[in-house]
Amino acid sequence: METIHKASQRMNIANAPGVQSAVSAAQAPAADGQQILVLKKALDMQSSTAATLLESLPQAPALADSGTLGRNVDTFA
């Protein structure tokens, strides 16, 4: 009978696709949570910037409420 040394028969599973996909699946919820936090921060920054831009717009001039200029629009085809 041949003697088989267990040390020489070790299998390296570090690069096996199944192991990599299992590790990725285990890490996915944590990565998803982090990506959602980054997305929320980016959306908050965009919202803040948009609000600042809207506040910086000049006020629209008041519409004419008396007189003949600027009250009527003549349209015809």
PDB file of N, CA and C in Angstrom:
ATOM      1  N   MET A   1       0.822  -1.200   0.000  1.00  0.00           N
ATOM      2  CA  MET A   1       0.000   0.000   0.000  1.00  0.00           C
ATOM      3  C   MET A   1       0.856   1.250   0.000  1.00  0.00           C
ATOM      4  N   GLU A   2       0.363   2.203  -0.694  1.00  0.00           N
ATOM      5  CA  GLU A   2       1.090   3.467  -0.733  1.00  0.00           C
ATOM      6  C   GLU A   2       0.625   4.356   0.397  1.00  0.00           C
ATOM      7  N   THR A   3       1.536   5.081   0.937  1.00  0.00           N
ATOM      8  CA  THR A   3       1.206   6.032   1.987  1.00  0.00           C
ATOM      9  C   THR A   3       1.016   7.391   1.341  1.00  0.00           C
ATOM     10  N   ILE A   4      -0.143   7.991   1.575  1.00  0.00           N
ATOM     11  CA  ILE A   4      -0.428   9.302   1.005  1.00  0.00           C
ATOM     12  C   ILE A   4      -0.248  10.343   2.097  1.00  0.00           C
ATOM     13  N   HIS A   5       0.582  11.285   1.811  1.00  0.00           N
ATOM     14  CA  HIS A   5       0.813  12.361   2.778  1.00  0.00           C
ATOM     15  C   HIS A   5      -0.268  13.410   2.599  1.00  0.00           C
ATOM     16  N   LYS A   6      -0.938  13.720   3.677  1.00  0.00           N
ATOM     17  CA  LYS A   6      -2.013  14.710   3.617  1.00  0.00           C
ATOM     18  C   LYS A   6      -1.476  16.096   3.269  1.00  0.00           C
ATOM     19  N   ALA A   7      -0.295  16.399   3.677  1.00  0.00           N
ATOM     20  CA  ALA A   7       0.280  17.716   3.421  1.00  0.00           C
ATOM     21  C   ALA A   7       0.498  17.943   1.922  1.00  0.00           C
ATOM     22  N   SER A   8       0.820  16.887   1.199  1.00  0.00           N
ATOM     23  CA  SER A   8       1.068  17.058  -0.224  1.00  0.00           C
ATOM     24  C   SER A   8      -0.227  17.067  -1.035  1.00  0.00           C
ATOM     25  N   GLN A   9      -1.336  16.728  -0.429  1.00  0.00           N
ATOM     26  CA  GLN A   9      -2.614  16.650  -1.118  1.00  0.00           C
ATOM     27  C   GLN A   9      -3.517  17.849  -0.817  1.00  0.00           C
ATOM     28  N   ARG A  10      -2.996  18.900  -0.251  1.00  0.00           N
ATOM     29  CA  ARG A  10      -3.820  20.062   0.077  1.00  0.00           C
ATOM     30  C   ARG A  10      -4.311  20.730  -1.196  1.00  0.00           C
ATOM     31  N   MET A  11      -5.530  21.203  -1.116  1.00  0.00           N
ATOM     32  CA  MET A  11      -6.139  21.859  -2.267  1.00  0.00           C
ATOM     33  C   MET A  11      -6.170  23.366  -2.021  1.00  0.00           C
ATOM     34  N   ASN A  12      -5.752  24.115  -2.990  1.00  0.00           N
ATOM     35  CA  ASN A  12      -5.800  25.570  -2.881  1.00  0.00           C
ATOM     36  C   ASN A  12      -7.124  26.033  -3.485  1.00  0.00           C
ATOM     37  N   ILE A  13      -8.033  26.516  -2.640  1.00  0.00           N
ATOM     38  CA  ILE A  13      -9.347  26.944  -3.122  1.00  0.00           C
ATOM     39  C   ILE A  13      -9.465  28.470  -3.184  1.00  0.00           C
ATOM     40  N   ALA A  14      -8.387  29.168  -2.950  1.00  0.00           N
ATOM     41  CA  ALA A  14      -8.434  30.630  -2.904  1.00  0.00           C
ATOM     42  C   ALA A  14      -8.866  31.230  -4.238  1.00  0.00           C
ATOM     43  N   ASN A  15      -8.507  30.591  -5.334  1.00  0.00           N
ATOM     44  CA  ASN A  15      -8.820  31.155  -6.644  1.00  0.00           C
ATOM     45  C   ASN A  15      -9.984  30.467  -7.342  1.00  0.00           C
ATOM     46  N   ALA A  16     -10.683  29.612  -6.630  1.00  0.00           N
ATOM     47  CA  ALA A  16     -11.812  28.915  -7.238  1.00  0.00           C
ATOM     48  C   ALA A  16     -12.969  29.898  -7.446  1.00  0.00           C
ATOM     49  N   PRO A  17     -13.603  29.879  -8.608  1.00  0.00           N
ATOM     50  CA  PRO A  17     -14.705  30.810  -8.889  1.00  0.00           C
ATOM     51  C   PRO A  17     -15.858  30.688  -7.901  1.00  0.00           C
ATOM     52  N   GLY A  18     -16.146  29.488  -7.449  1.00  0.00           N
ATOM     53  CA  GLY A  18     -17.227  29.300  -6.487  1.00  0.00           C
ATOM     54  C   GLY A  18     -16.940  30.005  -5.164  1.00  0.00           C
ATOM     55  N   VAL A  19     -15.691  29.932  -4.735  1.00  0.00           N
ATOM     56  CA  VAL A  19     -15.303  30.594  -3.486  1.00  0.00           C
ATOM     57  C   VAL A  19     -15.371  32.105  -3.659  1.00  0.00           C
ATOM     58  N   GLN A  20     -14.903  32.588  -4.778  1.00  0.00           N
ATOM     59  CA  GLN A  20     -14.935  34.032  -5.023  1.00  0.00           C
ATOM     60  C   GLN A  20     -16.364  34.549  -5.066  1.00  0.00           C
ATOM     61  N   SER A  21     -17.265  33.807  -5.696  1.00  0.00           N
ATOM     62  CA  SER A  21     -18.653  34.268  -5.758  1.00  0.00           C
ATOM     63  C   SER A  21     -19.314  34.201  -4.385  1.00  0.00           C
ATOM     64  N   ALA A  22     -18.962  33.204  -3.576  1.00  0.00           N
ATOM     65  CA  ALA A  22     -19.520  33.112  -2.233  1.00  0.00           C
ATOM     66  C   ALA A  22     -19.035  34.262  -1.363  1.00  0.00           C
ATOM     67  N   VAL A  23     -17.780  34.600  -1.477  1.00  0.00           N
ATOM     68  CA  VAL A  23     -17.232  35.726  -0.708  1.00  0.00           C
ATOM     69  C   VAL A  23     -17.860  37.037  -1.167  1.00  0.00           C
ATOM     70  N   SER A  24     -18.018  37.184  -2.467  1.00  0.00           N
ATOM     71  CA  SER A  24     -18.649  38.397  -2.999  1.00  0.00           C
ATOM     72  C   SER A  24     -20.087  38.520  -2.528  1.00  0.00           C
ATOM     73  N   ALA A  25     -20.808  37.413  -2.530  1.00  0.00           N
ATOM     74  CA  ALA A  25     -22.201  37.433  -2.075  1.00  0.00           C
ATOM     75  C   ALA A  25     -22.296  37.772  -0.595  1.00  0.00           C
ATOM     76  N   ALA A  26     -21.327  37.312   0.184  1.00  0.00           N
ATOM     77  CA  ALA A  26     -21.333  37.607   1.615  1.00  0.00           C
ATOM     78  C   ALA A  26     -21.020  39.076   1.876  1.00  0.00           C
ATOM     79  N   GLN A  27     -20.200  39.675   1.023  1.00  0.00           N
ATOM     80  CA  GLN A  27     -19.811  41.065   1.216  1.00  0.00           C
ATOM     81  C   GLN A  27     -20.769  42.036   0.553  1.00  0.00           C
ATOM     82  N   ALA A  28     -21.669  41.575  -0.293  1.00  0.00           N
ATOM     83  CA  ALA A  28     -22.568  42.443  -1.056  1.00  0.00           C
ATOM     84  C   ALA A  28     -23.469  43.311  -0.177  1.00  0.00           C
ATOM     85  N   PRO A  29     -24.116  42.776   0.860  1.00  0.00           N
ATOM     86  CA  PRO A  29     -24.991  43.653   1.662  1.00  0.00           C
ATOM     87  C   PRO A  29     -24.250  44.837   2.281  1.00  0.00           C
ATOM     88  N   ALA A  30     -23.037  44.612   2.753  1.00  0.00           N
ATOM     89  CA  ALA A  30     -22.267  45.710   3.335  1.00  0.00           C
ATOM     90  C   ALA A  30     -21.899  46.738   2.268  1.00  0.00           C
ATOM     91  N   ALA A  31     -21.500  46.263   1.105  1.00  0.00           N
ATOM     92  CA  ALA A  31     -21.137  47.176   0.020  1.00  0.00           C
ATOM     93  C   ALA A  31     -22.358  47.935  -0.463  1.00  0.00           C
ATOM     94  N   ASP A  32     -23.506  47.270  -0.558  1.00  0.00           N
ATOM     95  CA  ASP A  32     -24.731  47.947  -0.979  1.00  0.00           C
ATOM     96  C   ASP A  32     -25.098  49.053  -0.012  1.00  0.00           C
ATOM     97  N   GLY A  33     -24.981  48.790   1.267  1.00  0.00           N
ATOM     98  CA  GLY A  33     -25.293  49.807   2.274  1.00  0.00           C
ATOM     99  C   GLY A  33     -24.382  51.013   2.153  1.00  0.00           C
ATOM    100  N   GLN A  34     -23.116  50.772   1.910  1.00  0.00           N
ATOM    101  CA  GLN A  34     -22.171  51.874   1.749  1.00  0.00           C
ATOM    102  C   GLN A  34     -22.474  52.664   0.492  1.00  0.00           C
ATOM    103  N   GLN A  35     -22.813  51.980  -0.585  1.00  0.00           N
ATOM    104  CA  GLN A  35     -23.124  52.672  -1.829  1.00  0.00           C
ATOM    105  C   GLN A  35     -24.392  53.503  -1.689  1.00  0.00           C
ATOM    106  N   ILE A  36     -25.354  53.020  -0.930  1.00  0.00           N
ATOM    107  CA  ILE A  36     -26.586  53.785  -0.706  1.00  0.00           C
ATOM    108  C   ILE A  36     -26.288  55.034   0.110  1.00  0.00           C
ATOM    109  N   LEU A  37     -25.422  54.929   1.106  1.00  0.00           N
ATOM    110  CA  LEU A  37     -25.048  56.110   1.889  1.00  0.00           C
ATOM    111  C   LEU A  37     -24.359  57.154   1.024  1.00  0.00           C
ATOM    112  N   VAL A  38     -23.470  56.714   0.147  1.00  0.00           N
ATOM    113  CA  VAL A  38     -22.782  57.653  -0.755  1.00  0.00           C
ATOM    114  C   VAL A  38     -23.794  58.311  -1.688  1.00  0.00           C
ATOM    115  N   LEU A  39     -24.750  57.523  -2.203  1.00  0.00           N
ATOM    116  CA  LEU A  39     -25.781  58.070  -3.074  1.00  0.00           C
ATOM    117  C   LEU A  39     -26.624  59.109  -2.347  1.00  0.00           C
ATOM    118  N   LYS A  40     -27.005  58.821  -1.105  1.00  0.00           N
ATOM    119  CA  LYS A  40     -27.808  59.776  -0.328  1.00  0.00           C
ATOM    120  C   LYS A  40     -27.044  61.077  -0.098  1.00  0.00           C
ATOM    121  N   LYS A  41     -25.768  60.974   0.213  1.00  0.00           N
ATOM    122  CA  LYS A  41     -24.959  62.181   0.417  1.00  0.00           C
ATOM    123  C   LYS A  41     -24.864  62.993  -0.864  1.00  0.00           C
ATOM    124  N   ALA A  42     -24.686  62.317  -1.992  1.00  0.00           N
ATOM    125  CA  ALA A  42     -24.599  63.021  -3.278  1.00  0.00           C
ATOM    126  C   ALA A  42     -25.922  63.713  -3.596  1.00  0.00           C
ATOM    127  N   LEU A  43     -27.041  63.035  -3.345  1.00  0.00           N
ATOM    128  CA  LEU A  43     -28.345  63.638  -3.604  1.00  0.00           C
ATOM    129  C   LEU A  43     -28.599  64.828  -2.676  1.00  0.00           C
ATOM    130  N   ASP A  44     -28.176  64.729  -1.423  1.00  0.00           N
ATOM    131  CA  ASP A  44     -28.325  65.855  -0.499  1.00  0.00           C
ATOM    132  C   ASP A  44     -27.508  67.057  -0.961  1.00  0.00           C
ATOM    133  N   MET A  45     -26.295  66.796  -1.453  1.00  0.00           N
ATOM    134  CA  MET A  45     -25.460  67.895  -1.933  1.00  0.00           C
ATOM    135  C   MET A  45     -26.088  68.535  -3.166  1.00  0.00           C
ATOM    136  N   GLN A  46     -26.633  67.741  -4.074  1.00  0.00           N
ATOM    137  CA  GLN A  46     -27.279  68.287  -5.266  1.00  0.00           C
ATOM    138  C   GLN A  46     -28.510  69.089  -4.894  1.00  0.00           C
ATOM    139  N   SER A  47     -29.262  68.601  -3.921  1.00  0.00           N
ATOM    140  CA  SER A  47     -30.453  69.316  -3.467  1.00  0.00           C
ATOM    141  C   SER A  47     -30.081  70.663  -2.867  1.00  0.00           C
ATOM    142  N   SER A  48     -29.046  70.675  -2.075  1.00  0.00           N
ATOM    143  CA  SER A  48     -28.584  71.919  -1.460  1.00  0.00           C
ATOM    144  C   SER A  48     -28.108  72.913  -2.522  1.00  0.00           C
ATOM    145  N   THR A  49     -27.370  72.424  -3.493  1.00  0.00           N
ATOM    146  CA  THR A  49     -26.872  73.285  -4.569  1.00  0.00           C
ATOM    147  C   THR A  49     -28.020  73.839  -5.394  1.00  0.00           C
ATOM    148  N   ALA A  50     -29.005  73.006  -5.704  1.00  0.00           N
ATOM    149  CA  ALA A  50     -30.158  73.459  -6.491  1.00  0.00           C
ATOM    150  C   ALA A  50     -30.953  74.510  -5.724  1.00  0.00           C
ATOM    151  N   ALA A  51     -31.134  74.315  -4.429  1.00  0.00           N
ATOM    152  CA  ALA A  51     -31.866  75.294  -3.624  1.00  0.00           C
ATOM    153  C   ALA A  51     -31.125  76.629  -3.595  1.00  0.00           C
ATOM    154  N   THR A  52     -29.806  76.581  -3.477  1.00  0.00           N
ATOM    155  CA  THR A  52     -29.003  77.804  -3.474  1.00  0.00           C
ATOM    156  C   THR A  52     -29.120  78.527  -4.811  1.00  0.00           C
ATOM    157  N   LEU A  53     -29.061  77.773  -5.905  1.00  0.00           N
ATOM    158  CA  LEU A  53     -29.197  78.391  -7.224  1.00  0.00           C
ATOM    159  C   LEU A  53     -30.573  79.028  -7.408  1.00  0.00           C
ATOM    160  N   LEU A  54     -31.618  78.354  -6.977  1.00  0.00           N
ATOM    161  CA  LEU A  54     -32.965  78.907  -7.113  1.00  0.00           C
ATOM    162  C   LEU A  54     -33.144  80.170  -6.275  1.00  0.00           C
ATOM    163  N   GLU A  55     -32.536  80.198  -5.099  1.00  0.00           N
ATOM    164  CA  GLU A  55     -32.633  81.390  -4.253  1.00  0.00           C
ATOM    165  C   GLU A  55     -31.870  82.568  -4.847  1.00  0.00           C
ATOM    166  N   SER A  56     -30.829  82.280  -5.634  1.00  0.00           N
ATOM    167  CA  SER A  56     -30.019  83.362  -6.184  1.00  0.00           C
ATOM    168  C   SER A  56     -30.626  83.973  -7.446  1.00  0.00           C
ATOM    169  N   LEU A  57     -31.663  83.368  -7.993  1.00  0.00           N
ATOM    170  CA  LEU A  57     -32.306  83.929  -9.182  1.00  0.00           C
ATOM    171  C   LEU A  57     -32.979  85.256  -8.833  1.00  0.00           C
ATOM    172  N   PRO A  58     -32.928  86.220  -9.743  1.00  0.00           N
ATOM    173  CA  PRO A  58     -33.604  87.491  -9.470  1.00  0.00           C
ATOM    174  C   PRO A  58     -35.126  87.295  -9.501  1.00  0.00           C
ATOM    175  N   GLN A  59     -35.813  88.151  -8.784  1.00  0.00           N
ATOM    176  CA  GLN A  59     -37.270  88.097  -8.762  1.00  0.00           C
ATOM    177  C   GLN A  59     -37.823  88.503 -10.131  1.00  0.00           C
ATOM    178  N   ALA A  60     -38.895  87.866 -10.533  1.00  0.00           N
ATOM    179  CA  ALA A  60     -39.529  88.205 -11.805  1.00  0.00           C
ATOM    180  C   ALA A  60     -40.197  89.567 -11.673  1.00  0.00           C
ATOM    181  N   PRO A  61     -40.145  90.384 -12.717  1.00  0.00           N
ATOM    182  CA  PRO A  61     -40.796  91.690 -12.634  1.00  0.00           C
ATOM    183  C   PRO A  61     -42.307  91.519 -12.491  1.00  0.00           C
ATOM    184  N   ALA A  62     -42.912  92.475 -11.832  1.00  0.00           N
ATOM    185  CA  ALA A  62     -44.360  92.426 -11.639  1.00  0.00           C
ATOM    186  C   ALA A  62     -45.066  92.642 -12.972  1.00  0.00           C
ATOM    187  N   LEU A  63     -46.160  91.927 -13.149  1.00  0.00           N
ATOM    188  CA  LEU A  63     -46.932  92.086 -14.381  1.00  0.00           C
ATOM    189  C   LEU A  63     -47.726  93.384 -14.328  1.00  0.00           C
ATOM    190  N   ALA A  64     -47.952  93.960 -15.497  1.00  0.00           N
ATOM    191  CA  ALA A  64     -48.736  95.192 -15.573  1.00  0.00           C
ATOM    192  C   ALA A  64     -50.179  94.893 -15.182  1.00  0.00           C
ATOM    193  N   ASP A  65     -50.738  95.741 -14.317  1.00  0.00           N
ATOM    194  CA  ASP A  65     -52.133  95.543 -13.924  1.00  0.00           C
ATOM    195  C   ASP A  65     -53.001  96.751 -14.291  1.00  0.00           C
ATOM    196  N   SER A  66     -52.372  97.746 -14.880  1.00  0.00           N
ATOM    197  CA  SER A  66     -53.147  98.902 -15.349  1.00  0.00           C
ATOM    198  C   SER A  66     -52.510  99.430 -16.626  1.00  0.00           C
ATOM    199  N   GLY A  67     -53.248 100.201 -17.380  1.00  0.00           N
ATOM    200  CA  GLY A  67     -52.725 100.733 -18.631  1.00  0.00           C
ATOM    201  C   GLY A  67     -52.991  99.784 -19.779  1.00  0.00           C
ATOM    202  N   THR A  68     -52.491 100.167 -20.924  1.00  0.00           N
ATOM    203  CA  THR A  68     -52.754  99.374 -22.121  1.00  0.00           C
ATOM    204  C   THR A  68     -51.551  98.550 -22.554  1.00  0.00           C
ATOM    205  N   LEU A  69     -50.378  98.812 -22.002  1.00  0.00           N
ATOM    206  CA  LEU A  69     -49.188  98.078 -22.423  1.00  0.00           C
ATOM    207  C   LEU A  69     -48.939  96.872 -21.507  1.00  0.00           C
ATOM    208  N   GLY A  70     -48.722  95.745 -22.124  1.00  0.00           N
ATOM    209  CA  GLY A  70     -48.330  94.556 -21.382  1.00  0.00           C
ATOM    210  C   GLY A  70     -49.461  93.783 -20.752  1.00  0.00           C
ATOM    211  N   ARG A  71     -50.699  94.139 -21.041  1.00  0.00           N
ATOM    212  CA  ARG A  71     -51.821  93.419 -20.440  1.00  0.00           C
ATOM    213  C   ARG A  71     -52.483  92.449 -21.403  1.00  0.00           C
ATOM    214  N   ASN A  72     -52.422  92.711 -22.660  1.00  0.00           N
ATOM    215  CA  ASN A  72     -53.120  91.893 -23.647  1.00  0.00           C
ATOM    216  C   ASN A  72     -52.135  91.330 -24.672  1.00  0.00           C
ATOM    217  N   VAL A  73     -52.399  90.124 -25.107  1.00  0.00           N
ATOM    218  CA  VAL A  73     -51.612  89.516 -26.157  1.00  0.00           C
ATOM    219  C   VAL A  73     -52.563  89.198 -27.299  1.00  0.00           C
ATOM    220  N   ASP A  74     -52.287  89.773 -28.463  1.00  0.00           N
ATOM    221  CA  ASP A  74     -53.110  89.483 -29.637  1.00  0.00           C
ATOM    222  C   ASP A  74     -52.510  88.287 -30.366  1.00  0.00           C
ATOM    223  N   THR A  75     -53.295  87.260 -30.479  1.00  0.00           N
ATOM    224  CA  THR A  75     -52.819  86.089 -31.228  1.00  0.00           C
ATOM    225  C   THR A  75     -53.809  85.748 -32.316  1.00  0.00           C
ATOM    226  N   PHE A  76     -53.309  85.394 -33.461  1.00  0.00           N
ATOM    227  CA  PHE A  76     -54.162  84.943 -34.547  1.00  0.00           C
ATOM    228  C   PHE A  76     -53.337  84.053 -35.460  1.00  0.00           C
ATOM    229  N   ALA A  77     -54.013  83.183 -36.133  1.00  0.00           N
ATOM    230  CA  ALA A  77     -53.307  82.255 -37.008  1.00  0.00           C
ATOM    231  C   ALA A  77     -53.541  82.621 -38.449  1.00  0.00           C
TER     232      ALA A  77
END
